[in-house]
PDB file of N, CA and C in Angstrom:
ATOM      1  N   MET A   1     111.692 123.710 114.351  1.00  0.00           N
ATOM      2  CA  MET A   1     113.049 123.389 114.866  1.00  0.00           C
ATOM      3  C   MET A   1     113.833 122.929 113.708  1.00  0.00           C
ATOM      4  N   SER A   2     115.124 123.530 113.572  1.00  0.00           N
ATOM      5  CA  SER A   2     115.981 123.278 112.658  1.00  0.00           C
ATOM      6  C   SER A   2     117.037 122.029 113.148  1.00  0.00           C
ATOM      7  N   SER A   3     117.293 121.105 112.182  1.00  0.00           N
ATOM      8  CA  SER A   3     118.135 120.011 112.466  1.00  0.00           C
ATOM      9  C   SER A   3     118.791 119.673 111.203  1.00  0.00           C
ATOM     10  N   SER A   4     119.948 119.010 111.317  1.00  0.00           N
ATOM     11  CA  SER A   4     120.589 118.458 110.051  1.00  0.00           C
ATOM     12  C   SER A   4     120.928 117.119 110.343  1.00  0.00           C
ATOM     13  N   GLN A   5     120.893 116.306 109.199  1.00  0.00           N
ATOM     14  CA  GLN A   5     121.415 114.937 109.190  1.00  0.00           C
ATOM     15  C   GLN A   5     122.409 114.705 108.136  1.00  0.00           C
ATOM     16  N   VAL A   6     123.297 113.723 108.552  1.00  0.00           N
ATOM     17  CA  VAL A   6     124.355 113.349 107.586  1.00  0.00           C
ATOM     18  C   VAL A   6     124.039 111.871 107.204  1.00  0.00           C
ATOM     19  N   VAL A   7     123.627 111.787 106.056  1.00  0.00           N
ATOM     20  CA  VAL A   7     123.212 110.431 105.447  1.00  0.00           C
ATOM     21  C   VAL A   7     124.247 109.799 104.567  1.00  0.00           C
ATOM     22  N   LYS A   8     124.728 108.697 104.890  1.00  0.00           N
ATOM     23  CA  LYS A   8     125.612 107.881 104.033  1.00  0.00           C
ATOM     24  C   LYS A   8     124.998 106.563 103.701  1.00  0.00           C
ATOM     25  N   HIS A   9     125.038 106.250 102.407  1.00  0.00           N
ATOM     26  CA  HIS A   9     124.375 104.954 102.073  1.00  0.00           C
ATOM     27  C   HIS A   9     125.234 104.272 100.933  1.00  0.00           C
ATOM     28  N   ASP A  10     125.232 102.862 101.066  1.00  0.00           N
ATOM     29  CA  ASP A  10     125.816 102.016 100.087  1.00  0.00           C
ATOM     30  C   ASP A  10     124.926 100.988  99.867  1.00  0.00           C
ATOM     31  N   ALA A  11     125.317  99.992  99.117  1.00  0.00           N
ATOM     32  CA  ALA A  11     124.380  98.879  98.607  1.00  0.00           C
ATOM     33  C   ALA A  11     123.714  98.063  99.800  1.00  0.00           C
ATOM     34  N   ASN A  12     124.615  98.009 101.023  1.00  0.00           N
ATOM     35  CA  ASN A  12     124.166  97.163 102.157  1.00  0.00           C
ATOM     36  C   ASN A  12     123.676  97.941 103.309  1.00  0.00           C
ATOM     37  N   THR A  13     124.209  99.376 103.491  1.00  0.00           N
ATOM     38  CA  THR A  13     123.788  99.964 104.762  1.00  0.00           C
ATOM     39  C   THR A  13     123.411 101.374 104.462  1.00  0.00           C
ATOM     40  N   LEU A  14     122.804 101.918 105.718  1.00  0.00           N
ATOM     41  CA  LEU A  14     122.454 103.373 105.618  1.00  0.00           C
ATOM     42  C   LEU A  14     122.850 103.788 107.049  1.00  0.00           C
ATOM     43  N   SER A  15     123.699 104.800 107.035  1.00  0.00           N
ATOM     44  CA  SER A  15     124.146 105.497 108.326  1.00  0.00           C
ATOM     45  C   SER A  15     123.583 106.982 108.376  1.00  0.00           C
ATOM     46  N   VAL A  16     123.057 107.287 109.552  1.00  0.00           N
ATOM     47  CA  VAL A  16     122.350 108.506 109.797  1.00  0.00           C
ATOM     48  C   VAL A  16     122.969 109.099 110.976  1.00  0.00           C
ATOM     49  N   GLY A  17     123.529 110.322 110.737  1.00  0.00           N
ATOM     50  CA  GLY A  17     123.970 111.047 112.011  1.00  0.00           C
ATOM     51  C   GLY A  17     123.081 112.277 112.195  1.00  0.00           C
ATOM     52  N   GLN A  18     122.760 112.613 113.367  1.00  0.00           N
ATOM     53  CA  GLN A  18     121.815 113.784 113.680  1.00  0.00           C
ATOM     54  C   GLN A  18     122.520 114.709 114.506  1.00  0.00           C
ATOM     55  N   SER A  19     122.303 116.037 114.326  1.00  0.00           N
ATOM     56  CA  SER A  19     122.887 117.094 115.222  1.00  0.00           C
ATOM     57  C   SER A  19     121.854 117.561 116.134  1.00  0.00           C
ATOM     58  N   GLU A  20     120.648 117.208 116.022  1.00  0.00           N
ATOM     59  CA  GLU A  20     119.598 117.682 117.050  1.00  0.00           C
ATOM     60  C   GLU A  20     119.774 117.069 118.369  1.00  0.00           C
ATOM     61  N   ARG A  21     119.862 117.839 119.473  1.00  0.00           N
ATOM     62  CA  ARG A  21     120.006 117.492 120.805  1.00  0.00           C
ATOM     63  C   ARG A  21     121.141 116.557 120.859  1.00  0.00           C
ATOM     64  N   GLY A  22     122.375 117.170 120.472  1.00  0.00           N
ATOM     65  CA  GLY A  22     123.632 116.442 120.614  1.00  0.00           C
ATOM     66  C   GLY A  22     123.751 115.333 119.514  1.00  0.00           C
ATOM     67  N   HIS A  23     124.932 114.810 119.417  1.00  0.00           N
ATOM     68  CA  HIS A  23     125.193 114.076 118.109  1.00  0.00           C
ATOM     69  C   HIS A  23     124.724 112.631 118.436  1.00  0.00           C
ATOM     70  N   HIS A  24     124.146 112.010 117.579  1.00  0.00           N
ATOM     71  CA  HIS A  24     123.647 110.579 117.659  1.00  0.00           C
ATOM     72  C   HIS A  24     123.668 110.025 116.152  1.00  0.00           C
ATOM     73  N   SER A  25     124.122 108.743 116.014  1.00  0.00           N
ATOM     74  CA  SER A  25     124.156 108.187 114.876  1.00  0.00           C
ATOM     75  C   SER A  25     123.481 106.593 114.868  1.00  0.00           C
ATOM     76  N   SER A  26     123.051 106.328 113.828  1.00  0.00           N
ATOM     77  CA  SER A  26     122.495 105.010 113.667  1.00  0.00           C
ATOM     78  C   SER A  26     122.935 104.470 112.322  1.00  0.00           C
ATOM     79  N   THR A  27     123.182 103.053 112.288  1.00  0.00           N
ATOM     80  CA  THR A  27     123.437 102.440 110.982  1.00  0.00           C
ATOM     81  C   THR A  27     122.605 101.190 110.816  1.00  0.00           C
ATOM     82  N   TYR A  28     121.936 101.178 109.775  1.00  0.00           N
ATOM     83  CA  TYR A  28     120.842 100.056 109.417  1.00  0.00           C
ATOM     84  C   TYR A  28     121.431  99.317 108.298  1.00  0.00           C
ATOM     85  N   THR A  29     121.249  97.940 108.436  1.00  0.00           N
ATOM     86  CA  THR A  29     121.607  97.046 107.342  1.00  0.00           C
ATOM     87  C   THR A  29     120.218  96.788 106.621  1.00  0.00           C
ATOM     88  N   LEU A  30     120.464  96.903 105.171  1.00  0.00           N
ATOM     89  CA  LEU A  30     119.339  96.889 104.224  1.00  0.00           C
ATOM     90  C   LEU A  30     119.004  95.532 103.812  1.00  0.00           C
ATOM     91  N   ASP A  31     118.952  94.637 104.664  1.00  0.00           N
ATOM     92  CA  ASP A  31     118.528  93.259 104.189  1.00  0.00           C
ATOM     93  C   ASP A  31     117.269  92.715 104.647  1.00  0.00           C
ATOM     94  N   ALA A  32     116.433  93.423 105.142  1.00  0.00           N
ATOM     95  CA  ALA A  32     115.143  93.074 105.589  1.00  0.00           C
ATOM     96  C   ALA A  32     115.090  92.012 106.789  1.00  0.00           C
ATOM     97  N   LYS A  33     116.254  91.961 107.433  1.00  0.00           N
ATOM     98  CA  LYS A  33     116.249  90.985 108.441  1.00  0.00           C
ATOM     99  C   LYS A  33     116.397  91.760 109.957  1.00  0.00           C
ATOM    100  N   PRO A  34     115.932  91.231 110.945  1.00  0.00           N
ATOM    101  CA  PRO A  34     116.020  91.977 112.245  1.00  0.00           C
ATOM    102  C   PRO A  34     117.464  92.041 112.726  1.00  0.00           C
ATOM    103  N   HIS A  35     118.057  93.187 113.220  1.00  0.00           N
ATOM    104  CA  HIS A  35     119.231  93.402 113.788  1.00  0.00           C
ATOM    105  C   HIS A  35     119.145  94.016 115.089  1.00  0.00           C
ATOM    106  N   GLU A  36     119.912  93.357 115.993  1.00  0.00           N
ATOM    107  CA  GLU A  36     119.693  93.850 117.497  1.00  0.00           C
ATOM    108  C   GLU A  36     120.897  94.651 117.849  1.00  0.00           C
ATOM    109  N   THR A  37     120.872  95.700 118.484  1.00  0.00           N
ATOM    110  CA  THR A  37     121.965  96.642 118.897  1.00  0.00           C
ATOM    111  C   THR A  37     121.581  97.130 120.516  1.00  0.00           C
ATOM    112  N   THR A  38     122.644  97.579 121.025  1.00  0.00           N
ATOM    113  CA  THR A  38     122.446  97.993 122.466  1.00  0.00           C
ATOM    114  C   THR A  38     123.158  99.348 122.449  1.00  0.00           C
ATOM    115  N   ILE A  39     122.393 100.346 122.944  1.00  0.00           N
ATOM    116  CA  ILE A  39     123.111 101.675 123.305  1.00  0.00           C
ATOM    117  C   ILE A  39     122.694 102.123 124.644  1.00  0.00           C
ATOM    118  N   GLY A  40     123.816 101.898 125.541  1.00  0.00           N
ATOM    119  CA  GLY A  40     123.646 102.132 126.971  1.00  0.00           C
ATOM    120  C   GLY A  40     122.765 100.890 127.484  1.00  0.00           C
ATOM    121  N   PRO A  41     121.695 101.228 128.192  1.00  0.00           N
ATOM    122  CA  PRO A  41     120.713 100.236 128.787  1.00  0.00           C
ATOM    123  C   PRO A  41     119.637  99.805 127.818  1.00  0.00           C
ATOM    124  N   VAL A  42     119.545 100.554 126.664  1.00  0.00           N
ATOM    125  CA  VAL A  42     118.432 100.296 125.590  1.00  0.00           C
ATOM    126  C   VAL A  42     118.843  99.267 124.778  1.00  0.00           C
ATOM    127  N   LYS A  43     118.002  98.082 124.533  1.00  0.00           N
ATOM    128  CA  LYS A  43     118.154  97.333 123.532  1.00  0.00           C
ATOM    129  C   LYS A  43     117.080  97.667 122.238  1.00  0.00           C
ATOM    130  N   SER A  44     117.806  97.754 121.043  1.00  0.00           N
ATOM    131  CA  SER A  44     116.947  97.958 120.019  1.00  0.00           C
ATOM    132  C   SER A  44     116.996  96.811 119.009  1.00  0.00           C
ATOM    133  N   VAL A  45     115.838  96.578 118.265  1.00  0.00           N
ATOM    134  CA  VAL A  45     115.899  95.675 117.156  1.00  0.00           C
ATOM    135  C   VAL A  45     115.304  96.549 115.891  1.00  0.00           C
ATOM    136  N   SER A  46     116.055  96.501 114.881  1.00  0.00           N
ATOM    137  CA  SER A  46     115.632  97.202 113.674  1.00  0.00           C
ATOM    138  C   SER A  46     115.595  96.355 112.308  1.00  0.00           C
ATOM    139  N   LYS A  47     114.759  96.649 111.479  1.00  0.00           N
ATOM    140  CA  LYS A  47     114.798  95.901 110.150  1.00  0.00           C
ATOM    141  C   LYS A  47     114.456  97.137 109.121  1.00  0.00           C
ATOM    142  N   ALA A  48     115.328  97.130 108.178  1.00  0.00           N
ATOM    143  CA  ALA A  48     115.264  98.123 107.092  1.00  0.00           C
ATOM    144  C   ALA A  48     115.168  97.321 105.674  1.00  0.00           C
ATOM    145  N   GLU A  49     114.267  97.721 104.903  1.00  0.00           N
ATOM    146  CA  GLU A  49     114.237  97.160 103.546  1.00  0.00           C
ATOM    147  C   GLU A  49     113.668  98.187 102.568  1.00  0.00           C
ATOM    148  N   TRP A  50     113.875  97.933 101.354  1.00  0.00           N
ATOM    149  CA  TRP A  50     113.349  98.657 100.265  1.00  0.00           C
ATOM    150  C   TRP A  50     111.938  98.247  99.768  1.00  0.00           C
ATOM    151  N   ASN A  51     111.151  99.122  99.588  1.00  0.00           N
ATOM    152  CA  ASN A  51     109.802  98.770  99.031  1.00  0.00           C
ATOM    153  C   ASN A  51     109.610  99.583  97.866  1.00  0.00           C
ATOM    154  N   GLY A  52     109.930  99.226  96.750  1.00  0.00           N
ATOM    155  CA  GLY A  52     110.140 100.057  95.543  1.00  0.00           C
ATOM    156  C   GLY A  52     111.076 101.100  95.726  1.00  0.00           C
ATOM    157  N   ASP A  53     110.720 102.304  95.506  1.00  0.00           N
ATOM    158  CA  ASP A  53     111.633 103.512  95.698  1.00  0.00           C
ATOM    159  C   ASP A  53     111.618 104.075  97.083  1.00  0.00           C
ATOM    160  N   THR A  54     111.036 103.398  98.049  1.00  0.00           N
ATOM    161  CA  THR A  54     110.847 103.897  99.300  1.00  0.00           C
ATOM    162  C   THR A  54     111.515 102.931 100.334  1.00  0.00           C
ATOM    163  N   LEU A  55     112.205 103.459 101.305  1.00  0.00           N
ATOM    164  CA  LEU A  55     112.886 102.706 102.349  1.00  0.00           C
ATOM    165  C   LEU A  55     112.163 102.682 103.485  1.00  0.00           C
ATOM    166  N   VAL A  56     111.946 101.696 104.156  1.00  0.00           N
ATOM    167  CA  VAL A  56     111.128 101.360 105.252  1.00  0.00           C
ATOM    168  C   VAL A  56     112.059 100.816 106.434  1.00  0.00           C
ATOM    169  N   ILE A  57     112.130 101.458 107.639  1.00  0.00           N
ATOM    170  CA  ILE A  57     112.917 101.106 108.701  1.00  0.00           C
ATOM    171  C   ILE A  57     111.828 100.953 109.908  1.00  0.00           C
ATOM    172  N   ASP A  58     111.825  99.795 110.388  1.00  0.00           N
ATOM    173  CA  ASP A  58     111.011  99.533 111.745  1.00  0.00           C
ATOM    174  C   ASP A  58     112.035  99.112 112.700  1.00  0.00           C
ATOM    175  N   ARG A  59     111.753  99.865 113.987  1.00  0.00           N
ATOM    176  CA  ARG A  59     112.699  99.550 115.060  1.00  0.00           C
ATOM    177  C   ARG A  59     111.772  99.670 116.368  1.00  0.00           C
ATOM    178  N   THR A  60     112.260  98.693 117.188  1.00  0.00           N
ATOM    179  CA  THR A  60     111.583  98.711 118.494  1.00  0.00           C
ATOM    180  C   THR A  60     112.685  98.789 119.490  1.00  0.00           C
ATOM    181  N   ASP A  61     112.554  99.776 120.563  1.00  0.00           N
ATOM    182  CA  ASP A  61     113.411  99.887 121.666  1.00  0.00           C
ATOM    183  C   ASP A  61     112.858  99.356 122.937  1.00  0.00           C
ATOM    184  N   THR A  62     113.611  98.609 123.787  1.00  0.00           N
ATOM    185  CA  THR A  62     113.303  98.154 124.930  1.00  0.00           C
ATOM    186  C   THR A  62     114.087  98.678 126.076  1.00  0.00           C
ATOM    187  N   PHE A  63     113.300  99.396 127.060  1.00  0.00           N
ATOM    188  CA  PHE A  63     114.150 100.125 128.077  1.00  0.00           C
ATOM    189  C   PHE A  63     114.259  99.163 129.369  1.00  0.00           C
ATOM    190  N   PRO A  64     115.114  99.385 130.262  1.00  0.00           N
ATOM    191  CA  PRO A  64     115.414  98.592 131.385  1.00  0.00           C
ATOM    192  C   PRO A  64     114.113  98.491 132.325  1.00  0.00           C
ATOM    193  N   THR A  65     113.156  99.592 132.142  1.00  0.00           N
ATOM    194  CA  THR A  65     111.936  99.377 132.957  1.00  0.00           C
ATOM    195  C   THR A  65     110.962  98.499 132.450  1.00  0.00           C
ATOM    196  N   GLY A  66     111.180  98.018 131.129  1.00  0.00           N
ATOM    197  CA  GLY A  66     110.319  97.092 130.467  1.00  0.00           C
ATOM    198  C   GLY A  66     109.241  97.922 129.465  1.00  0.00           C
ATOM    199  N   ALA A  67     109.420  99.115 129.723  1.00  0.00           N
ATOM    200  CA  ALA A  67     108.657 100.000 128.752  1.00  0.00           C
ATOM    201  C   ALA A  67     109.389  99.784 127.216  1.00  0.00           C
ATOM    202  N   SER A  68     108.561 100.026 126.161  1.00  0.00           N
ATOM    203  CA  SER A  68     109.089  99.856 124.764  1.00  0.00           C
ATOM    204  C   SER A  68     108.570 101.158 123.988  1.00  0.00           C
ATOM    205  N   ARG A  69     109.215 101.239 123.042  1.00  0.00           N
ATOM    206  CA  ARG A  69     108.925 102.403 121.957  1.00  0.00           C
ATOM    207  C   ARG A  69     109.158 101.685 120.437  1.00  0.00           C
ATOM    208  N   THR A  70     108.115 101.689 119.599  1.00  0.00           N
ATOM    209  CA  THR A  70     108.056 101.283 118.393  1.00  0.00           C
ATOM    210  C   THR A  70     108.066 102.511 117.378  1.00  0.00           C
ATOM    211  N   MET A  71     109.084 102.436 116.434  1.00  0.00           N
ATOM    212  CA  MET A  71     109.088 103.568 115.326  1.00  0.00           C
ATOM    213  C   MET A  71     109.141 103.032 114.070  1.00  0.00           C
ATOM    214  N   LYS A  72     108.507 103.640 113.187  1.00  0.00           N
ATOM    215  CA  LYS A  72     108.632 103.157 111.886  1.00  0.00           C
ATOM    216  C   LYS A  72     108.921 104.454 110.932  1.00  0.00           C
ATOM    217  N   GLN A  73     109.911 104.515 110.054  1.00  0.00           N
ATOM    218  CA  GLN A  73     110.442 105.662 109.231  1.00  0.00           C
ATOM    219  C   GLN A  73     110.195 105.225 107.802  1.00  0.00           C
ATOM    220  N   VAL A  74     109.675 106.064 107.092  1.00  0.00           N
ATOM    221  CA  VAL A  74     109.451 105.815 105.730  1.00  0.00           C
ATOM    222  C   VAL A  74     110.196 106.893 104.872  1.00  0.00           C
ATOM    223  N   TRP A  75     111.172 106.656 104.226  1.00  0.00           N
ATOM    224  CA  TRP A  75     111.989 107.491 103.514  1.00  0.00           C
ATOM    225  C   TRP A  75     111.814 107.515 101.998  1.00  0.00           C
ATOM    226  N   SER A  76     111.544 108.687 101.462  1.00  0.00           N
ATOM    227  CA  SER A  76     111.434 108.848 100.032  1.00  0.00           C
ATOM    228  C   SER A  76     112.075 110.184  99.593  1.00  0.00           C
ATOM    229  N   LEU A  77     112.490 110.109  98.282  1.00  0.00           N
ATOM    230  CA  LEU A  77     113.230 111.239  97.606  1.00  0.00           C
ATOM    231  C   LEU A  77     112.328 111.915  96.693  1.00  0.00           C
ATOM    232  N   GLU A  78     111.999 113.072  96.751  1.00  0.00           N
ATOM    233  CA  GLU A  78     111.055 113.784  95.927  1.00  0.00           C
ATOM    234  C   GLU A  78     111.837 114.153  94.564  1.00  0.00           C
ATOM    235  N   ALA A  79     111.248 114.390  93.568  1.00  0.00           N
ATOM    236  CA  ALA A  79     111.712 114.658  92.221  1.00  0.00           C
ATOM    237  C   ALA A  79     112.495 116.012  92.315  1.00  0.00           C
ATOM    238  N   SER A  80     112.199 116.951  93.412  1.00  0.00           N
ATOM    239  CA  SER A  80     112.956 118.150  93.558  1.00  0.00           C
ATOM    240  C   SER A  80     114.283 117.794  94.234  1.00  0.00           C
ATOM    241  N   GLY A  81     114.526 116.805  94.718  1.00  0.00           N
ATOM    242  CA  GLY A  81     115.776 116.337  95.428  1.00  0.00           C
ATOM    243  C   GLY A  81     115.600 116.300  96.926  1.00  0.00           C
ATOM    244  N   LYS A  82     114.330 116.692  97.407  1.00  0.00           N
ATOM    245  CA  LYS A  82     114.033 116.877  98.903  1.00  0.00           C
ATOM    246  C   LYS A  82     114.096 115.432  99.377  1.00  0.00           C
ATOM    247  N   LEU A  83     114.587 115.242 100.668  1.00  0.00           N
ATOM    248  CA  LEU A  83     114.441 113.933 101.263  1.00  0.00           C
ATOM    249  C   LEU A  83     113.165 114.142 102.354  1.00  0.00           C
ATOM    250  N   VAL A  84     112.195 113.049 102.153  1.00  0.00           N
ATOM    251  CA  VAL A  84     111.048 113.216 103.041  1.00  0.00           C
ATOM    252  C   VAL A  84     111.098 111.922 103.968  1.00  0.00           C
ATOM    253  N   ILE A  85     111.061 112.177 105.210  1.00  0.00           N
ATOM    254  CA  ILE A  85     110.980 111.104 106.280  1.00  0.00           C
ATOM    255  C   ILE A  85     109.680 111.171 107.043  1.00  0.00           C
ATOM    256  N   VAL A  86     108.856 110.161 106.861  1.00  0.00           N
ATOM    257  CA  VAL A  86     107.569 110.312 107.815  1.00  0.00           C
ATOM    258  C   VAL A  86     107.976 109.191 108.881  1.00  0.00           C
ATOM    259  N   LEU A  87     108.004 109.669 110.108  1.00  0.00           N
ATOM    260  CA  LEU A  87     108.091 108.886 111.320  1.00  0.00           C
ATOM    261  C   LEU A  87     106.844 108.650 112.011  1.00  0.00           C
ATOM    262  N   THR A  88     106.598 107.503 112.393  1.00  0.00           N
ATOM    263  CA  THR A  88     105.434 107.204 113.361  1.00  0.00           C
ATOM    264  C   THR A  88     106.058 106.526 114.578  1.00  0.00           C
ATOM    265  N   ASP A  89     105.683 107.079 115.746  1.00  0.00           N
ATOM    266  CA  ASP A  89     106.275 106.700 116.908  1.00  0.00           C
ATOM    267  C   ASP A  89     105.169 106.247 118.010  1.00  0.00           C
ATOM    268  N   LYS A  90     105.309 105.133 118.426  1.00  0.00           N
ATOM    269  CA  LYS A  90     104.342 104.590 119.449  1.00  0.00           C
ATOM    270  C   LYS A  90     105.077 104.109 120.729  1.00  0.00           C
ATOM    271  N   SER A  91     104.982 104.795 121.790  1.00  0.00           N
ATOM    272  CA  SER A  91     105.518 104.498 123.137  1.00  0.00           C
ATOM    273  C   SER A  91     104.636 103.670 124.013  1.00  0.00           C
ATOM    274  N   SER A  92     105.066 102.960 124.937  1.00  0.00           N
ATOM    275  CA  SER A  92     104.146 102.178 125.816  1.00  0.00           C
ATOM    276  C   SER A  92     103.113 103.245 126.507  1.00  0.00           C
ATOM    277  N   GLY A  93     102.002 102.931 126.457  1.00  0.00           N
ATOM    278  CA  GLY A  93     101.022 103.646 127.147  1.00  0.00           C
ATOM    279  C   GLY A  93     100.645 105.033 126.611  1.00  0.00           C
ATOM    280  N   LYS A  94     101.221 105.413 125.381  1.00  0.00           N
ATOM    281  CA  LYS A  94     100.998 106.688 124.988  1.00  0.00           C
ATOM    282  C   LYS A  94     100.281 106.533 123.535  1.00  0.00           C
ATOM    283  N   ASP A  95      99.774 107.588 123.047  1.00  0.00           N
ATOM    284  CA  ASP A  95      99.262 107.801 121.818  1.00  0.00           C
ATOM    285  C   ASP A  95     100.159 107.871 120.607  1.00  0.00           C
ATOM    286  N   GLU A  96      99.807 107.099 119.597  1.00  0.00           N
ATOM    287  CA  GLU A  96     100.798 107.160 118.315  1.00  0.00           C
ATOM    288  C   GLU A  96     101.058 108.632 117.705  1.00  0.00           C
ATOM    289  N   VAL A  97     102.128 108.990 117.501  1.00  0.00           N
ATOM    290  CA  VAL A  97     102.475 110.250 116.974  1.00  0.00           C
ATOM    291  C   VAL A  97     103.091 110.186 115.454  1.00  0.00           C
ATOM    292  N   THR A  98     102.617 110.895 114.620  1.00  0.00           N
ATOM    293  CA  THR A  98     103.206 110.820 113.136  1.00  0.00           C
ATOM    294  C   THR A  98     103.737 112.198 112.923  1.00  0.00           C
ATOM    295  N   MET A  99     105.095 112.235 112.449  1.00  0.00           N
ATOM    296  CA  MET A  99     105.705 113.512 112.006  1.00  0.00           C
ATOM    297  C   MET A  99     106.256 113.306 110.671  1.00  0.00           C
ATOM    298  N   THR A 100     106.342 114.513 109.769  1.00  0.00           N
ATOM    299  CA  THR A 100     106.982 114.426 108.559  1.00  0.00           C
ATOM    300  C   THR A 100     108.013 115.362 108.652  1.00  0.00           C
ATOM    301  N   ASN A 101     109.315 115.016 108.134  1.00  0.00           N
ATOM    302  CA  ASN A 101     110.449 115.803 108.017  1.00  0.00           C
ATOM    303  C   ASN A 101     110.791 115.997 106.752  1.00  0.00           C
ATOM    304  N   VAL A 102     111.069 117.081 106.218  1.00  0.00           N
ATOM    305  CA  VAL A 102     111.611 117.330 104.862  1.00  0.00           C
ATOM    306  C   VAL A 102     112.940 118.013 104.982  1.00  0.00           C
ATOM    307  N   TYR A 103     113.973 117.341 104.281  1.00  0.00           N
ATOM    308  CA  TYR A 103     115.343 117.777 104.437  1.00  0.00           C
ATOM    309  C   TYR A 103     115.872 118.271 102.844  1.00  0.00           C
ATOM    310  N   VAL A 104     116.736 119.335 102.930  1.00  0.00           N
ATOM    311  CA  VAL A 104     117.173 119.819 101.591  1.00  0.00           C
ATOM    312  C   VAL A 104     118.705 119.687 101.659  1.00  0.00           C
ATOM    313  N   LYS A 105     119.299 119.009 100.600  1.00  0.00           N
ATOM    314  CA  LYS A 105     120.645 118.648 100.563  1.00  0.00           C
ATOM    315  C   LYS A 105     121.471 120.139 100.460  1.00  0.00           C
ATOM    316  N   LYS A 106     122.529 120.139 101.318  1.00  0.00           N
ATOM    317  CA  LYS A 106     123.309 121.363 101.359  1.00  0.00           C
ATOM    318  C   LYS A 106     124.449 121.149 100.466  1.00  0.00           C
TER     319      LYS A 106
END
């Protein structure tokens, strides 16, 4: 599946826009503190922090039904310039799924 991302980064924030399945964007504050946001009926708490040259984003979404979804993203930049994002997704009552996405700058 092909998708594209628009990534904007400054000293304090990371914004990610995705074209896959319609437009969606998320902004993370890079201070290692939990931040709460609400998108429609879903409440999310995310924490983003640098671990050396790797950016780690932990997020928990809570749905109106009480179900939850926990995601961990580990971002790294290869020497070739490719962005590698390893996503681990754990939803209530389901097995953990790990995906690795590699992006090339256009």
